[in-house]
Amino acid sequence: MLQIQLGQDREVDPTTDPLGRDHVGYRPGMTEQEAWTAGRGTWVLKVDRALAQDEIQIVNLDGTVLAVGDILGVTKTREPGRYAIDGNLKLGDPRVGKPTATPHKSRNSVAYF
């Protein structure tokens, strides 16, 4: 599993964000779709390790699962060395809203389990 830990929510310029987002990071009350949009990119990651995983789990700093998805691939972004995860969000996954079974121990936002 690839796990992405979101930091605090912040505004970004959608004209310069590689995914056209206006916010990135975690904020209380966000939907699974919002967590997926915020969490799927853009990251410095090891492409081969990311592609070896079947699933992505997006968590907040407290370790609560915000969204779960299947990994189908990665896309290189216009930011050098950064990638976005391509996949399918698993809406309604029973792990959403619960503590992750694999706590994120790294200081990095990206972890591989």
N, C-alpha and C. Protein backbone atom coordinates (compact mmCIF):
# COMPACT_ATOMS: atom_id res chain seq x y z
N MET A 1 0.84 -1.18 0.00
CA MET A 1 0.00 0.00 0.00
C MET A 1 0.89 1.25 0.00
N LEU A 2 0.47 2.22 -0.76
CA LEU A 2 1.08 3.55 -0.76
C LEU A 2 0.21 4.41 0.16
N GLN A 3 0.86 5.10 1.09
CA GLN A 3 0.10 5.96 2.00
C GLN A 3 0.59 7.38 1.85
N ILE A 4 -0.36 8.29 1.68
CA ILE A 4 -0.08 9.72 1.56
C ILE A 4 -0.66 10.40 2.79
N GLN A 5 0.18 11.16 3.47
CA GLN A 5 -0.27 11.89 4.65
C GLN A 5 -0.41 13.37 4.27
N LEU A 6 -1.60 13.89 4.45
CA LEU A 6 -1.86 15.29 4.11
C LEU A 6 -1.57 16.20 5.29
N GLY A 7 -0.90 17.30 4.99
CA GLY A 7 -0.69 18.35 5.97
C GLY A 7 -1.89 19.27 6.03
N GLN A 8 -1.71 20.44 6.61
CA GLN A 8 -2.79 21.41 6.75
C GLN A 8 -3.25 21.93 5.39
N ASP A 9 -4.53 22.20 5.29
CA ASP A 9 -5.12 22.76 4.07
C ASP A 9 -4.52 24.13 3.77
N ARG A 10 -4.29 24.35 2.50
CA ARG A 10 -3.84 25.68 2.07
C ARG A 10 -4.32 25.92 0.65
N GLU A 11 -4.51 27.19 0.35
CA GLU A 11 -4.94 27.57 -0.99
C GLU A 11 -3.76 27.54 -1.94
N VAL A 12 -4.04 27.14 -3.17
CA VAL A 12 -3.05 27.20 -4.25
C VAL A 12 -3.72 27.81 -5.46
N ASP A 13 -2.92 28.31 -6.37
CA ASP A 13 -3.42 28.93 -7.59
C ASP A 13 -3.72 27.84 -8.61
N PRO A 14 -4.99 27.65 -8.99
CA PRO A 14 -5.32 26.59 -9.93
C PRO A 14 -4.69 26.76 -11.31
N THR A 15 -4.27 27.98 -11.63
CA THR A 15 -3.61 28.17 -12.93
C THR A 15 -2.17 27.70 -12.93
N THR A 16 -1.60 27.53 -11.74
CA THR A 16 -0.22 27.04 -11.66
C THR A 16 -0.11 25.65 -11.04
N ASP A 17 -1.16 25.20 -10.36
CA ASP A 17 -1.14 23.85 -9.79
C ASP A 17 -1.22 22.84 -10.93
N PRO A 18 -0.32 21.84 -10.95
CA PRO A 18 -0.31 20.86 -12.05
C PRO A 18 -1.61 20.10 -12.23
N LEU A 19 -2.43 20.00 -11.19
CA LEU A 19 -3.71 19.30 -11.29
C LEU A 19 -4.90 20.25 -11.31
N GLY A 20 -4.63 21.55 -11.36
CA GLY A 20 -5.70 22.54 -11.43
C GLY A 20 -6.48 22.71 -10.14
N ARG A 21 -5.88 22.34 -9.02
CA ARG A 21 -6.58 22.42 -7.73
C ARG A 21 -6.50 23.83 -7.17
N ASP A 22 -7.49 24.18 -6.32
CA ASP A 22 -7.44 25.47 -5.64
C ASP A 22 -7.10 25.32 -4.16
N HIS A 23 -7.10 24.07 -3.66
CA HIS A 23 -6.70 23.76 -2.28
C HIS A 23 -5.94 22.44 -2.27
N VAL A 24 -4.98 22.36 -1.38
CA VAL A 24 -4.29 21.09 -1.13
C VAL A 24 -4.19 20.92 0.38
N GLY A 25 -4.04 19.68 0.84
CA GLY A 25 -3.95 19.42 2.26
C GLY A 25 -5.29 19.04 2.85
N TYR A 26 -5.27 18.83 4.17
CA TYR A 26 -6.44 18.36 4.91
C TYR A 26 -7.14 19.49 5.63
N ARG A 27 -8.47 19.43 5.61
CA ARG A 27 -9.28 20.29 6.45
C ARG A 27 -10.44 19.46 6.99
N PRO A 28 -10.84 19.69 8.23
CA PRO A 28 -11.94 18.93 8.81
C PRO A 28 -13.20 19.04 7.94
N GLY A 29 -13.91 17.92 7.83
CA GLY A 29 -15.16 17.91 7.10
C GLY A 29 -15.05 17.67 5.60
N MET A 30 -13.83 17.46 5.11
CA MET A 30 -13.71 17.25 3.67
C MET A 30 -14.28 15.90 3.28
N THR A 31 -14.78 15.82 2.05
CA THR A 31 -15.35 14.58 1.54
C THR A 31 -14.24 13.65 1.07
N GLU A 32 -14.62 12.41 0.80
CA GLU A 32 -13.65 11.46 0.24
C GLU A 32 -13.11 11.96 -1.09
N GLN A 33 -13.99 12.51 -1.92
CA GLN A 33 -13.56 13.03 -3.22
C GLN A 33 -12.58 14.18 -3.05
N GLU A 34 -12.83 15.07 -2.11
CA GLU A 34 -11.91 16.18 -1.85
C GLU A 34 -10.57 15.67 -1.35
N ALA A 35 -10.59 14.66 -0.48
CA ALA A 35 -9.34 14.08 0.01
C ALA A 35 -8.58 13.41 -1.13
N TRP A 36 -9.29 12.72 -2.00
CA TRP A 36 -8.66 12.09 -3.16
C TRP A 36 -8.00 13.14 -4.05
N THR A 37 -8.71 14.20 -4.34
CA THR A 37 -8.17 15.27 -5.19
C THR A 37 -6.95 15.91 -4.55
N ALA A 38 -7.02 16.15 -3.26
CA ALA A 38 -5.89 16.77 -2.56
C ALA A 38 -4.72 15.80 -2.43
N GLY A 39 -5.00 14.51 -2.25
CA GLY A 39 -3.96 13.56 -1.91
C GLY A 39 -3.30 12.82 -3.04
N ARG A 40 -3.88 12.82 -4.23
CA ARG A 40 -3.32 11.99 -5.30
C ARG A 40 -2.09 12.60 -5.96
N GLY A 41 -1.79 13.84 -5.68
CA GLY A 41 -0.59 14.44 -6.26
C GLY A 41 -0.43 15.86 -5.77
N THR A 42 0.65 16.47 -6.02
CA THR A 42 1.84 15.96 -6.69
C THR A 42 2.92 15.66 -5.66
N TRP A 43 3.63 14.57 -5.88
CA TRP A 43 4.56 14.07 -4.89
C TRP A 43 5.89 13.68 -5.52
N VAL A 44 6.94 13.81 -4.73
CA VAL A 44 8.22 13.20 -5.08
C VAL A 44 8.10 11.78 -4.57
N LEU A 45 8.12 10.82 -5.47
CA LEU A 45 7.98 9.43 -5.05
C LEU A 45 8.81 8.53 -5.95
N LYS A 46 8.99 7.32 -5.47
CA LYS A 46 9.71 6.30 -6.24
C LYS A 46 8.68 5.61 -7.12
N VAL A 47 8.71 5.91 -8.41
CA VAL A 47 7.69 5.43 -9.33
C VAL A 47 7.57 3.91 -9.30
N ASP A 48 8.70 3.20 -9.32
CA ASP A 48 8.64 1.74 -9.33
C ASP A 48 7.98 1.21 -8.05
N ARG A 49 8.27 1.82 -6.93
CA ARG A 49 7.64 1.38 -5.66
C ARG A 49 6.16 1.73 -5.64
N ALA A 50 5.80 2.90 -6.15
CA ALA A 50 4.39 3.28 -6.20
C ALA A 50 3.60 2.33 -7.10
N LEU A 51 4.18 1.99 -8.25
CA LEU A 51 3.48 1.11 -9.19
C LEU A 51 3.42 -0.33 -8.70
N ALA A 52 4.27 -0.69 -7.75
CA ALA A 52 4.24 -2.04 -7.18
C ALA A 52 3.11 -2.20 -6.16
N GLN A 53 2.49 -1.09 -5.78
CA GLN A 53 1.40 -1.11 -4.81
C GLN A 53 0.07 -1.21 -5.55
N ASP A 54 -0.90 -1.86 -4.93
CA ASP A 54 -2.23 -1.96 -5.51
C ASP A 54 -3.15 -0.85 -5.05
N GLU A 55 -2.84 -0.29 -3.89
CA GLU A 55 -3.80 0.61 -3.24
C GLU A 55 -3.10 1.84 -2.68
N ILE A 56 -3.84 2.95 -2.66
CA ILE A 56 -3.39 4.17 -2.02
C ILE A 56 -4.36 4.50 -0.89
N GLN A 57 -3.79 4.92 0.22
CA GLN A 57 -4.58 5.33 1.37
C GLN A 57 -4.15 6.75 1.71
N ILE A 58 -5.11 7.65 1.79
CA ILE A 58 -4.83 9.04 2.13
C ILE A 58 -5.27 9.26 3.56
N VAL A 59 -4.35 9.77 4.38
CA VAL A 59 -4.61 9.96 5.81
C VAL A 59 -4.28 11.40 6.21
N ASN A 60 -4.82 11.82 7.34
CA ASN A 60 -4.45 13.13 7.88
C ASN A 60 -3.31 12.96 8.89
N LEU A 61 -2.89 14.05 9.50
CA LEU A 61 -1.76 14.00 10.43
C LEU A 61 -2.05 13.18 11.68
N ASP A 62 -3.33 12.98 12.00
CA ASP A 62 -3.72 12.16 13.15
C ASP A 62 -3.80 10.68 12.80
N GLY A 63 -3.64 10.33 11.51
CA GLY A 63 -3.71 8.94 11.09
C GLY A 63 -5.10 8.45 10.76
N THR A 64 -6.05 9.36 10.62
CA THR A 64 -7.40 8.98 10.22
C THR A 64 -7.45 8.82 8.70
N VAL A 65 -8.03 7.73 8.24
CA VAL A 65 -8.16 7.47 6.81
C VAL A 65 -9.21 8.40 6.22
N LEU A 66 -8.80 9.13 5.19
CA LEU A 66 -9.68 10.09 4.52
C LEU A 66 -10.23 9.55 3.21
N ALA A 67 -9.44 8.73 2.53
CA ALA A 67 -9.85 8.17 1.24
C ALA A 67 -8.98 6.97 0.93
N VAL A 68 -9.54 6.04 0.15
CA VAL A 68 -8.83 4.85 -0.30
C VAL A 68 -9.10 4.70 -1.79
N GLY A 69 -8.07 4.30 -2.53
CA GLY A 69 -8.26 4.09 -3.96
C GLY A 69 -7.36 3.00 -4.49
N ASP A 70 -7.70 2.52 -5.68
CA ASP A 70 -6.85 1.59 -6.41
C ASP A 70 -5.85 2.38 -7.24
N ILE A 71 -4.61 1.92 -7.28
CA ILE A 71 -3.58 2.57 -8.09
C ILE A 71 -3.57 1.92 -9.47
N LEU A 72 -3.75 2.74 -10.50
CA LEU A 72 -3.70 2.26 -11.87
C LEU A 72 -2.44 2.71 -12.59
N GLY A 73 -1.81 3.77 -12.09
CA GLY A 73 -0.59 4.27 -12.72
C GLY A 73 -0.15 5.56 -12.06
N VAL A 74 0.86 6.18 -12.62
CA VAL A 74 1.33 7.49 -12.17
C VAL A 74 1.51 8.37 -13.40
N THR A 75 1.37 9.66 -13.19
CA THR A 75 1.56 10.63 -14.26
C THR A 75 2.64 11.61 -13.84
N LYS A 76 3.59 11.81 -14.72
CA LYS A 76 4.63 12.81 -14.49
C LYS A 76 3.99 14.18 -14.67
N THR A 77 4.24 15.09 -13.73
CA THR A 77 3.66 16.43 -13.82
C THR A 77 4.68 17.39 -14.42
N ARG A 78 4.24 18.61 -14.66
CA ARG A 78 5.15 19.61 -15.22
C ARG A 78 6.18 20.10 -14.20
N GLU A 79 5.99 19.72 -12.95
CA GLU A 79 6.98 20.01 -11.92
C GLU A 79 8.04 18.92 -11.96
N PRO A 80 9.29 19.26 -12.19
CA PRO A 80 10.34 18.23 -12.29
C PRO A 80 10.39 17.33 -11.06
N GLY A 81 10.41 16.01 -11.32
CA GLY A 81 10.54 15.03 -10.24
C GLY A 81 9.28 14.77 -9.44
N ARG A 82 8.15 15.32 -9.87
CA ARG A 82 6.90 15.15 -9.12
C ARG A 82 5.88 14.39 -9.97
N TYR A 83 5.07 13.58 -9.26
CA TYR A 83 4.12 12.70 -9.92
C TYR A 83 2.76 12.77 -9.25
N ALA A 84 1.74 12.40 -10.01
CA ALA A 84 0.38 12.26 -9.48
C ALA A 84 -0.04 10.80 -9.63
N ILE A 85 -0.80 10.32 -8.68
CA ILE A 85 -1.31 8.96 -8.72
C ILE A 85 -2.57 8.92 -9.57
N ASP A 86 -2.63 7.98 -10.47
CA ASP A 86 -3.84 7.73 -11.26
C ASP A 86 -4.52 6.50 -10.67
N GLY A 87 -5.81 6.57 -10.50
CA GLY A 87 -6.51 5.42 -9.95
C GLY A 87 -7.99 5.66 -9.80
N ASN A 88 -8.62 4.76 -9.10
CA ASN A 88 -10.06 4.84 -8.83
C ASN A 88 -10.30 4.98 -7.35
N LEU A 89 -11.01 6.02 -6.99
CA LEU A 89 -11.42 6.22 -5.60
C LEU A 89 -12.43 5.15 -5.22
N LYS A 90 -12.24 4.53 -4.05
CA LYS A 90 -13.18 3.54 -3.53
C LYS A 90 -14.14 4.24 -2.57
N LEU A 91 -15.15 4.89 -3.13
CA LEU A 91 -16.11 5.62 -2.31
C LEU A 91 -16.79 4.68 -1.32
N GLY A 92 -16.88 5.13 -0.08
CA GLY A 92 -17.56 4.35 0.94
C GLY A 92 -16.74 3.21 1.52
N ASP A 93 -15.43 3.20 1.27
CA ASP A 93 -14.60 2.16 1.85
C ASP A 93 -14.77 2.18 3.37
N PRO A 94 -14.92 1.01 4.00
CA PRO A 94 -15.18 0.98 5.45
C PRO A 94 -14.05 1.51 6.32
N ARG A 95 -12.85 1.67 5.78
CA ARG A 95 -11.73 2.20 6.56
C ARG A 95 -11.78 3.72 6.71
N VAL A 96 -12.53 4.39 5.85
CA VAL A 96 -12.62 5.85 5.88
C VAL A 96 -13.24 6.29 7.20
N GLY A 97 -12.59 7.28 7.83
CA GLY A 97 -13.06 7.81 9.10
C GLY A 97 -12.51 7.10 10.32
N LYS A 98 -11.73 6.04 10.08
CA LYS A 98 -11.14 5.26 11.18
C LYS A 98 -9.63 5.44 11.19
N PRO A 99 -8.98 5.14 12.33
CA PRO A 99 -7.52 5.19 12.36
C PRO A 99 -6.94 4.16 11.39
N THR A 100 -5.86 4.53 10.72
CA THR A 100 -5.22 3.60 9.81
C THR A 100 -4.61 2.43 10.58
N ALA A 101 -4.62 1.27 9.96
CA ALA A 101 -4.00 0.08 10.55
C ALA A 101 -2.49 0.12 10.39
N THR A 102 -1.99 1.03 9.56
CA THR A 102 -0.56 1.17 9.32
C THR A 102 -0.16 2.62 9.59
N PRO A 103 0.09 2.95 10.85
CA PRO A 103 0.43 4.34 11.18
C PRO A 103 1.63 4.84 10.38
N HIS A 104 1.55 6.07 9.98
CA HIS A 104 2.56 6.74 9.17
C HIS A 104 3.68 7.23 10.09
N LYS A 105 4.82 6.55 10.07
CA LYS A 105 5.91 6.87 10.99
C LYS A 105 6.96 7.79 10.37
N SER A 106 6.87 8.00 9.07
CA SER A 106 7.87 8.80 8.37
C SER A 106 7.54 10.28 8.49
N ARG A 107 8.56 11.11 8.41
CA ARG A 107 8.35 12.54 8.35
C ARG A 107 7.96 12.97 6.94
N ASN A 108 8.19 12.08 5.99
CA ASN A 108 7.81 12.34 4.61
C ASN A 108 6.31 12.12 4.45
N SER A 109 5.73 12.78 3.48
CA SER A 109 4.30 12.62 3.22
C SER A 109 3.99 11.29 2.56
N VAL A 110 4.97 10.68 1.91
CA VAL A 110 4.76 9.45 1.15
C VAL A 110 5.42 8.29 1.90
N ALA A 111 4.65 7.21 2.10
CA ALA A 111 5.19 6.01 2.74
C ALA A 111 4.69 4.79 1.95
N TYR A 112 5.51 3.75 1.95
CA TYR A 112 5.19 2.50 1.25
C TYR A 112 5.09 1.39 2.29
N PHE A 113 4.01 0.62 2.24
CA PHE A 113 3.82 -0.49 3.18
C PHE A 113 3.62 -1.78 2.43
